[in-house]
Amino acid sequence: MNKLDIKIVDFDPTLYDLESYNNIHLSPFKVGFLVYQDNQLIRTAWFTNESALFKGLDSYLDSLD
């Protein structure tokens, strides 16, 4: 398996090119994670709080096994 780089980031619809979604600025998202493989973004996930973020990240990592 190739190396994965995972970054935990604050939600920013402008920075992550999400402005094409209607009313994205009204979303309750606060944090998320980005997964890169071979310097290409392969997965994004957004959450309303850190607890949900870490549950989602744990679930994602478990799915890789």
Protein backbone atom coordinates (compact mmCIF):
# COMPACT_ATOMS: atom_id res chain seq x y z
CA MET A 1 0.00 0.00 0.00
CA ASN A 2 1.23 3.47 -0.79
CA LYS A 3 1.87 6.02 1.92
CA LEU A 4 -1.09 8.15 2.96
CA ASP A 5 -0.76 11.69 4.30
CA ILE A 6 -3.67 12.83 6.45
CA LYS A 7 -4.17 16.46 7.37
CA ILE A 8 -6.67 17.74 9.92
CA VAL A 9 -7.88 21.18 8.88
CA ASP A 10 -10.39 23.87 9.78
CA PHE A 11 -13.38 24.10 7.44
CA ASP A 12 -12.86 26.85 4.89
CA PRO A 13 -15.09 26.60 1.80
CA THR A 14 -13.04 29.17 -0.10
CA LEU A 15 -9.69 27.51 0.56
CA TYR A 16 -10.96 24.03 -0.33
CA ASP A 17 -12.94 25.09 -3.42
CA LEU A 18 -16.37 24.24 -2.01
CA GLU A 19 -18.14 27.45 -2.99
CA SER A 20 -19.91 25.77 -5.90
CA TYR A 21 -22.26 24.12 -3.38
CA ASN A 22 -25.37 26.16 -2.67
CA ASN A 23 -25.41 27.79 0.79
CA ILE A 24 -22.11 26.17 1.81
CA HIS A 25 -21.42 29.13 4.11
CA LEU A 26 -24.51 28.18 6.11
CA SER A 27 -23.23 24.66 6.80
CA PRO A 28 -22.41 23.70 10.39
CA PHE A 29 -19.02 22.18 9.48
CA LYS A 30 -16.06 23.25 11.62
CA VAL A 31 -13.23 20.73 10.97
CA GLY A 32 -12.30 17.97 8.60
CA PHE A 33 -9.60 15.74 7.28
CA LEU A 34 -7.95 15.46 3.90
CA VAL A 35 -6.24 12.29 2.72
CA TYR A 36 -3.47 12.47 0.15
CA GLN A 37 -1.85 9.57 -1.69
CA ASP A 38 1.11 10.24 -3.97
CA ASN A 39 0.49 13.99 -3.50
CA GLN A 40 -3.09 13.69 -4.84
CA LEU A 41 -6.18 14.37 -2.76
CA ILE A 42 -8.14 11.12 -2.57
CA ARG A 43 -10.62 11.74 0.28
CA THR A 44 -12.17 14.60 2.20
CA ALA A 45 -14.55 14.52 5.14
CA TRP A 46 -16.10 17.40 7.07
CA PHE A 47 -17.54 17.40 10.60
CA THR A 48 -19.30 19.72 13.02
CA ASN A 49 -16.97 19.05 15.97
CA GLU A 50 -13.69 17.37 16.91
CA SER A 51 -15.36 14.35 18.50
CA ALA A 52 -17.15 13.51 15.26
CA LEU A 53 -13.93 14.18 13.34
CA PHE A 54 -11.94 11.62 15.31
CA LYS A 55 -14.74 9.04 15.13
CA GLY A 56 -14.85 9.53 11.35
CA LEU A 57 -11.10 9.36 11.03
CA ASP A 58 -10.98 6.20 13.15
CA SER A 59 -13.68 4.64 11.00
CA TYR A 60 -11.82 5.57 7.81
CA LEU A 61 -8.55 4.11 9.07
CA ASP A 62 -10.31 0.91 10.17
CA SER A 63 -11.74 0.54 6.66
CA LEU A 64 -8.23 0.43 5.23
CA ASP A 65 -7.37 -2.85 6.97
